[in-house]
Amino acid sequence: MPSLGFPELVVILIVALLIFGPKKLPEIGRAFGRTIKEFKKGAKEIMEEDSDEKKSSEVKKDSEVQQ
């Protein structure tokens, strides 16, 4: 998978500037940032739920073994 270097990012920024204009670009950046933040938050919650379920199943399994 190719990675994006500095020249590629500059080209993408210039194309975005030409398409959306200088007034819309900050709004799009903020929206993109909020989207990434919400995605990370959701992924973290899912990982925590999965971890909690795993721990509770281990505790249940341990209590069954002790009986």
PDB file of N, CA and C in Angstrom:
ATOM      1  N   MET A   1       0.852  -1.177   0.000  1.00  0.00           N
ATOM      2  CA  MET A   1       0.000   0.000   0.000  1.00  0.00           C
ATOM      3  C   MET A   1       0.897   1.239   0.000  1.00  0.00           C
ATOM      4  N   PRO A   2       0.754   2.078  -0.996  1.00  0.00           N
ATOM      5  CA  PRO A   2       1.598   3.273  -1.061  1.00  0.00           C
ATOM      6  C   PRO A   2       1.208   4.289   0.018  1.00  0.00           C
ATOM      7  N   SER A   3       2.204   4.979   0.509  1.00  0.00           N
ATOM      8  CA  SER A   3       1.942   6.002   1.517  1.00  0.00           C
ATOM      9  C   SER A   3       1.968   7.382   0.861  1.00  0.00           C
ATOM     10  N   LEU A   4       1.311   8.324   1.501  1.00  0.00           N
ATOM     11  CA  LEU A   4       1.276   9.691   0.992  1.00  0.00           C
ATOM     12  C   LEU A   4       2.454  10.473   1.556  1.00  0.00           C
ATOM     13  N   GLY A   5       3.211  11.057   0.681  1.00  0.00           N
ATOM     14  CA  GLY A   5       4.329  11.887   1.097  1.00  0.00           C
ATOM     15  C   GLY A   5       3.925  13.351   1.051  1.00  0.00           C
ATOM     16  N   PHE A   6       4.890  14.218   1.315  1.00  0.00           N
ATOM     17  CA  PHE A   6       4.629  15.650   1.330  1.00  0.00           C
ATOM     18  C   PHE A   6       4.156  16.180  -0.028  1.00  0.00           C
ATOM     19  N   PRO A   7       4.787  15.791  -1.134  1.00  0.00           N
ATOM     20  CA  PRO A   7       4.322  16.319  -2.438  1.00  0.00           C
ATOM     21  C   PRO A   7       2.875  15.925  -2.764  1.00  0.00           C
ATOM     22  N   GLU A   8       2.509  14.700  -2.421  1.00  0.00           N
ATOM     23  CA  GLU A   8       1.140  14.252  -2.686  1.00  0.00           C
ATOM     24  C   GLU A   8       0.134  15.045  -1.857  1.00  0.00           C
ATOM     25  N   LEU A   9       0.479  15.293  -0.590  1.00  0.00           N
ATOM     26  CA  LEU A   9      -0.420  16.060   0.273  1.00  0.00           C
ATOM     27  C   LEU A   9      -0.592  17.492  -0.225  1.00  0.00           C
ATOM     28  N   VAL A  10       0.469  18.082  -0.742  1.00  0.00           N
ATOM     29  CA  VAL A  10       0.395  19.440  -1.286  1.00  0.00           C
ATOM     30  C   VAL A  10      -0.533  19.468  -2.498  1.00  0.00           C
ATOM     31  N   VAL A  11      -0.412  18.473  -3.378  1.00  0.00           N
ATOM     32  CA  VAL A  11      -1.280  18.409  -4.564  1.00  0.00           C
ATOM     33  C   VAL A  11      -2.738  18.254  -4.143  1.00  0.00           C
ATOM     34  N   ILE A  12      -3.001  17.389  -3.172  1.00  0.00           N
ATOM     35  CA  ILE A  12      -4.377  17.191  -2.685  1.00  0.00           C
ATOM     36  C   ILE A  12      -4.916  18.484  -2.100  1.00  0.00           C
ATOM     37  N   LEU A  13      -4.124  19.195  -1.329  1.00  0.00           N
ATOM     38  CA  LEU A  13      -4.550  20.459  -0.730  1.00  0.00           C
ATOM     39  C   LEU A  13      -4.852  21.506  -1.802  1.00  0.00           C
ATOM     40  N   ILE A  14      -4.023  21.584  -2.821  1.00  0.00           N
ATOM     41  CA  ILE A  14      -4.243  22.554  -3.903  1.00  0.00           C
ATOM     42  C   ILE A  14      -5.523  22.225  -4.663  1.00  0.00           C
ATOM     43  N   VAL A  15      -5.747  20.952  -4.959  1.00  0.00           N
ATOM     44  CA  VAL A  15      -6.970  20.551  -5.668  1.00  0.00           C
ATOM     45  C   VAL A  15      -8.197  20.862  -4.812  1.00  0.00           C
ATOM     46  N   ALA A  16      -8.135  20.558  -3.513  1.00  0.00           N
ATOM     47  CA  ALA A  16      -9.255  20.854  -2.622  1.00  0.00           C
ATOM     48  C   ALA A  16      -9.514  22.359  -2.565  1.00  0.00           C
ATOM     49  N   LEU A  17      -8.469  23.145  -2.533  1.00  0.00           N
ATOM     50  CA  LEU A  17      -8.606  24.599  -2.503  1.00  0.00           C
ATOM     51  C   LEU A  17      -9.268  25.108  -3.779  1.00  0.00           C
ATOM     52  N   LEU A  18      -8.891  24.544  -4.909  1.00  0.00           N
ATOM     53  CA  LEU A  18      -9.495  24.948  -6.176  1.00  0.00           C
ATOM     54  C   LEU A  18     -10.965  24.541  -6.268  1.00  0.00           C
ATOM     55  N   ILE A  19     -11.290  23.368  -5.756  1.00  0.00           N
ATOM     56  CA  ILE A  19     -12.666  22.871  -5.846  1.00  0.00           C
ATOM     57  C   ILE A  19     -13.587  23.602  -4.874  1.00  0.00           C
ATOM     58  N   PHE A  20     -13.180  23.705  -3.606  1.00  0.00           N
ATOM     59  CA  PHE A  20     -14.074  24.224  -2.574  1.00  0.00           C
ATOM     60  C   PHE A  20     -13.886  25.706  -2.276  1.00  0.00           C
ATOM     61  N   GLY A  21     -12.750  26.249  -2.581  1.00  0.00           N
ATOM     62  CA  GLY A  21     -12.506  27.662  -2.305  1.00  0.00           C
ATOM     63  C   GLY A  21     -11.991  27.877  -0.898  1.00  0.00           C
ATOM     64  N   PRO A  22     -11.403  29.045  -0.656  1.00  0.00           N
ATOM     65  CA  PRO A  22     -10.774  29.293   0.647  1.00  0.00           C
ATOM     66  C   PRO A  22     -11.771  29.469   1.797  1.00  0.00           C
ATOM     67  N   LYS A  23     -13.015  29.815   1.509  1.00  0.00           N
ATOM     68  CA  LYS A  23     -13.986  30.015   2.593  1.00  0.00           C
ATOM     69  C   LYS A  23     -14.559  28.691   3.087  1.00  0.00           C
ATOM     70  N   LYS A  24     -14.729  27.732   2.204  1.00  0.00           N
ATOM     71  CA  LYS A  24     -15.323  26.448   2.580  1.00  0.00           C
ATOM     72  C   LYS A  24     -14.315  25.472   3.179  1.00  0.00           C
ATOM     73  N   LEU A  25     -13.046  25.619   2.836  1.00  0.00           N
ATOM     74  CA  LEU A  25     -12.030  24.656   3.258  1.00  0.00           C
ATOM     75  C   LEU A  25     -11.922  24.514   4.779  1.00  0.00           C
ATOM     76  N   PRO A  26     -11.922  25.593   5.571  1.00  0.00           N
ATOM     77  CA  PRO A  26     -11.871  25.408   7.036  1.00  0.00           C
ATOM     78  C   PRO A  26     -13.089  24.670   7.592  1.00  0.00           C
ATOM     79  N   GLU A  27     -14.266  24.917   7.018  1.00  0.00           N
ATOM     80  CA  GLU A  27     -15.467  24.214   7.467  1.00  0.00           C
ATOM     81  C   GLU A  27     -15.354  22.719   7.187  1.00  0.00           C
ATOM     82  N   ILE A  28     -14.847  22.380   6.021  1.00  0.00           N
ATOM     83  CA  ILE A  28     -14.681  20.978   5.664  1.00  0.00           C
ATOM     84  C   ILE A  28     -13.657  20.323   6.591  1.00  0.00           C
ATOM     85  N   GLY A  29     -12.581  21.031   6.897  1.00  0.00           N
ATOM     86  CA  GLY A  29     -11.566  20.510   7.809  1.00  0.00           C
ATOM     87  C   GLY A  29     -12.119  20.246   9.197  1.00  0.00           C
ATOM     88  N   ARG A  30     -12.940  21.167   9.706  1.00  0.00           N
ATOM     89  CA  ARG A  30     -13.553  20.976  11.025  1.00  0.00           C
ATOM     90  C   ARG A  30     -14.495  19.779  11.014  1.00  0.00           C
ATOM     91  N   ALA A  31     -15.294  19.662   9.966  1.00  0.00           N
ATOM     92  CA  ALA A  31     -16.226  18.535   9.864  1.00  0.00           C
ATOM     93  C   ALA A  31     -15.458  17.217   9.800  1.00  0.00           C
ATOM     94  N   PHE A  32     -14.385  17.194   9.047  1.00  0.00           N
ATOM     95  CA  PHE A  32     -13.564  15.984   8.947  1.00  0.00           C
ATOM     96  C   PHE A  32     -12.950  15.644  10.307  1.00  0.00           C
ATOM     97  N   GLY A  33     -12.475  16.653  11.019  1.00  0.00           N
ATOM     98  CA  GLY A  33     -11.902  16.431  12.344  1.00  0.00           C
ATOM     99  C   GLY A  33     -12.919  15.878  13.327  1.00  0.00           C
ATOM    100  N   ARG A  34     -14.136  16.438  13.308  1.00  0.00           N
ATOM    101  CA  ARG A  34     -15.199  15.921  14.184  1.00  0.00           C
ATOM    102  C   ARG A  34     -15.545  14.479  13.841  1.00  0.00           C
ATOM    103  N   THR A  35     -15.567  14.168  12.548  1.00  0.00           N
ATOM    104  CA  THR A  35     -15.877  12.809  12.112  1.00  0.00           C
ATOM    105  C   THR A  35     -14.830  11.829  12.625  1.00  0.00           C
ATOM    106  N   ILE A  36     -13.573  12.183  12.489  1.00  0.00           N
ATOM    107  CA  ILE A  36     -12.490  11.317  12.973  1.00  0.00           C
ATOM    108  C   ILE A  36     -12.576  11.151  14.486  1.00  0.00           C
ATOM    109  N   LYS A  37     -12.879  12.239  15.196  1.00  0.00           N
ATOM    110  CA  LYS A  37     -12.993  12.186  16.658  1.00  0.00           C
ATOM    111  C   LYS A  37     -14.114  11.236  17.081  1.00  0.00           C
ATOM    112  N   GLU A  38     -15.277  11.340  16.425  1.00  0.00           N
ATOM    113  CA  GLU A  38     -16.401  10.464  16.750  1.00  0.00           C
ATOM    114  C   GLU A  38     -16.083   9.012  16.413  1.00  0.00           C
ATOM    115  N   PHE A  39     -15.379   8.797  15.305  1.00  0.00           N
ATOM    116  CA  PHE A  39     -15.004   7.437  14.930  1.00  0.00           C
ATOM    117  C   PHE A  39     -14.089   6.824  15.983  1.00  0.00           C
ATOM    118  N   LYS A  40     -13.097   7.580  16.434  1.00  0.00           N
ATOM    119  CA  LYS A  40     -12.183   7.085  17.463  1.00  0.00           C
ATOM    120  C   LYS A  40     -12.929   6.799  18.764  1.00  0.00           C
ATOM    121  N   LYS A  41     -13.855   7.684  19.110  1.00  0.00           N
ATOM    122  CA  LYS A  41     -14.644   7.497  20.332  1.00  0.00           C
ATOM    123  C   LYS A  41     -15.472   6.218  20.244  1.00  0.00           C
ATOM    124  N   GLY A  42     -16.122   6.006  19.112  1.00  0.00           N
ATOM    125  CA  GLY A  42     -16.923   4.803  18.923  1.00  0.00           C
ATOM    126  C   GLY A  42     -16.078   3.542  18.937  1.00  0.00           C
ATOM    127  N   ALA A  43     -14.928   3.586  18.295  1.00  0.00           N
ATOM    128  CA  ALA A  43     -14.037   2.425  18.280  1.00  0.00           C
ATOM    129  C   ALA A  43     -13.551   2.111  19.693  1.00  0.00           C
ATOM    130  N   LYS A  44     -13.244   3.149  20.469  1.00  0.00           N
ATOM    131  CA  LYS A  44     -12.776   2.940  21.844  1.00  0.00           C
ATOM    132  C   LYS A  44     -13.880   2.306  22.693  1.00  0.00           C
ATOM    133  N   GLU A  45     -15.121   2.773  22.519  1.00  0.00           N
ATOM    134  CA  GLU A  45     -16.235   2.204  23.279  1.00  0.00           C
ATOM    135  C   GLU A  45     -16.442   0.739  22.928  1.00  0.00           C
ATOM    136  N   ILE A  46     -16.330   0.402  21.653  1.00  0.00           N
ATOM    137  CA  ILE A  46     -16.499  -0.985  21.236  1.00  0.00           C
ATOM    138  C   ILE A  46     -15.398  -1.852  21.836  1.00  0.00           C
ATOM    139  N   MET A  47     -14.171  -1.355  21.823  1.00  0.00           N
ATOM    140  CA  MET A  47     -13.060  -2.116  22.397  1.00  0.00           C
ATOM    141  C   MET A  47     -13.254  -2.315  23.901  1.00  0.00           C
ATOM    142  N   GLU A  48     -13.747  -1.287  24.592  1.00  0.00           N
ATOM    143  CA  GLU A  48     -13.983  -1.413  26.034  1.00  0.00           C
ATOM    144  C   GLU A  48     -15.103  -2.408  26.313  1.00  0.00           C
ATOM    145  N   GLU A  49     -16.180  -2.370  25.522  1.00  0.00           N
ATOM    146  CA  GLU A  49     -17.280  -3.323  25.701  1.00  0.00           C
ATOM    147  C   GLU A  49     -16.798  -4.743  25.473  1.00  0.00           C
ATOM    148  N   ASP A  50     -15.994  -4.940  24.433  1.00  0.00           N
ATOM    149  CA  ASP A  50     -15.470  -6.268  24.134  1.00  0.00           C
ATOM    150  C   ASP A  50     -14.587  -6.762  25.269  1.00  0.00           C
ATOM    151  N   SER A  51     -13.761  -5.859  25.810  1.00  0.00           N
ATOM    152  CA  SER A  51     -12.879  -6.217  26.918  1.00  0.00           C
ATOM    153  C   SER A  51     -13.697  -6.578  28.154  1.00  0.00           C
ATOM    154  N   ASP A  52     -14.751  -5.801  28.429  1.00  0.00           N
ATOM    155  CA  ASP A  52     -15.608  -6.079  29.589  1.00  0.00           C
ATOM    156  C   ASP A  52     -16.310  -7.428  29.439  1.00  0.00           C
ATOM    157  N   GLU A  53     -16.802  -7.725  28.237  1.00  0.00           N
ATOM    158  CA  GLU A  53     -17.471  -9.007  28.002  1.00  0.00           C
ATOM    159  C   GLU A  53     -16.500 -10.164  28.179  1.00  0.00           C
ATOM    160  N   LYS A  54     -15.279  -9.982  27.714  1.00  0.00           N
ATOM    161  CA  LYS A  54     -14.271 -11.025  27.836  1.00  0.00           C
ATOM    162  C   LYS A  54     -13.952 -11.282  29.305  1.00  0.00           C
ATOM    163  N   LYS A  55     -13.804 -10.201  30.078  1.00  0.00           N
ATOM    164  CA  LYS A  55     -13.504 -10.343  31.500  1.00  0.00           C
ATOM    165  C   LYS A  55     -14.653 -11.030  32.233  1.00  0.00           C
ATOM    166  N   SER A  56     -15.891 -10.642  31.915  1.00  0.00           N
ATOM    167  CA  SER A  56     -17.037 -11.237  32.610  1.00  0.00           C
ATOM    168  C   SER A  56     -17.182 -12.713  32.257  1.00  0.00           C
ATOM    169  N   SER A  57     -16.878 -13.092  31.030  1.00  0.00           N
ATOM    170  CA  SER A  57     -16.962 -14.511  30.670  1.00  0.00           C
ATOM    171  C   SER A  57     -15.859 -15.302  31.360  1.00  0.00           C
ATOM    172  N   GLU A  58     -14.676 -14.697  31.536  1.00  0.00           N
ATOM    173  CA  GLU A  58     -13.592 -15.375  32.250  1.00  0.00           C
ATOM    174  C   GLU A  58     -13.946 -15.554  33.719  1.00  0.00           C
ATOM    175  N   VAL A  59     -14.559 -14.544  34.324  1.00  0.00           N
ATOM    176  CA  VAL A  59     -14.954 -14.637  35.730  1.00  0.00           C
ATOM    177  C   VAL A  59     -16.027 -15.714  35.888  1.00  0.00           C
ATOM    178  N   LYS A  60     -16.968 -15.754  34.960  1.00  0.00           N
ATOM    179  CA  LYS A  60     -18.032 -16.759  35.011  1.00  0.00           C
ATOM    180  C   LYS A  60     -17.440 -18.155  34.856  1.00  0.00           C
ATOM    181  N   LYS A  61     -16.475 -18.285  33.943  1.00  0.00           N
ATOM    182  CA  LYS A  61     -15.846 -19.590  33.723  1.00  0.00           C
ATOM    183  C   LYS A  61     -15.068 -20.009  34.959  1.00  0.00           C
ATOM    184  N   ASP A  62     -14.356 -19.078  35.611  1.00  0.00           N
ATOM    185  CA  ASP A  62     -13.589 -19.376  36.819  1.00  0.00           C
ATOM    186  C   ASP A  62     -14.515 -19.793  37.967  1.00  0.00           C
ATOM    187  N   SER A  63     -15.663 -19.156  38.098  1.00  0.00           N
ATOM    188  CA  SER A  63     -16.584 -19.503  39.179  1.00  0.00           C
ATOM    189  C   SER A  63     -17.197 -20.870  38.939  1.00  0.00           C
ATOM    190  N   GLU A  64     -17.408 -21.239  37.686  1.00  0.00           N
ATOM    191  CA  GLU A  64     -17.943 -22.573  37.385  1.00  0.00           C
ATOM    192  C   GLU A  64     -16.905 -23.644  37.692  1.00  0.00           C
ATOM    193  N   VAL A  65     -15.632 -23.360  37.454  1.00  0.00           N
ATOM    194  CA  VAL A  65     -14.558 -24.313  37.721  1.00  0.00           C
ATOM    195  C   VAL A  65     -14.415 -24.532  39.215  1.00  0.00           C
ATOM    196  N   GLN A  66     -14.579 -23.478  40.031  1.00  0.00           N
ATOM    197  CA  GLN A  66     -14.418 -23.590  41.467  1.00  0.00           C
ATOM    198  C   GLN A  66     -15.559 -24.386  42.101  1.00  0.00           C
ATOM    199  N   GLN A  67     -16.699 -24.445  41.490  1.00  0.00           N
ATOM    200  CA  GLN A  67     -17.849 -25.145  42.090  1.00  0.00           C
ATOM    201  C   GLN A  67     -17.716 -26.589  41.892  1.00  0.00           C
TER     202      GLN A  67
END
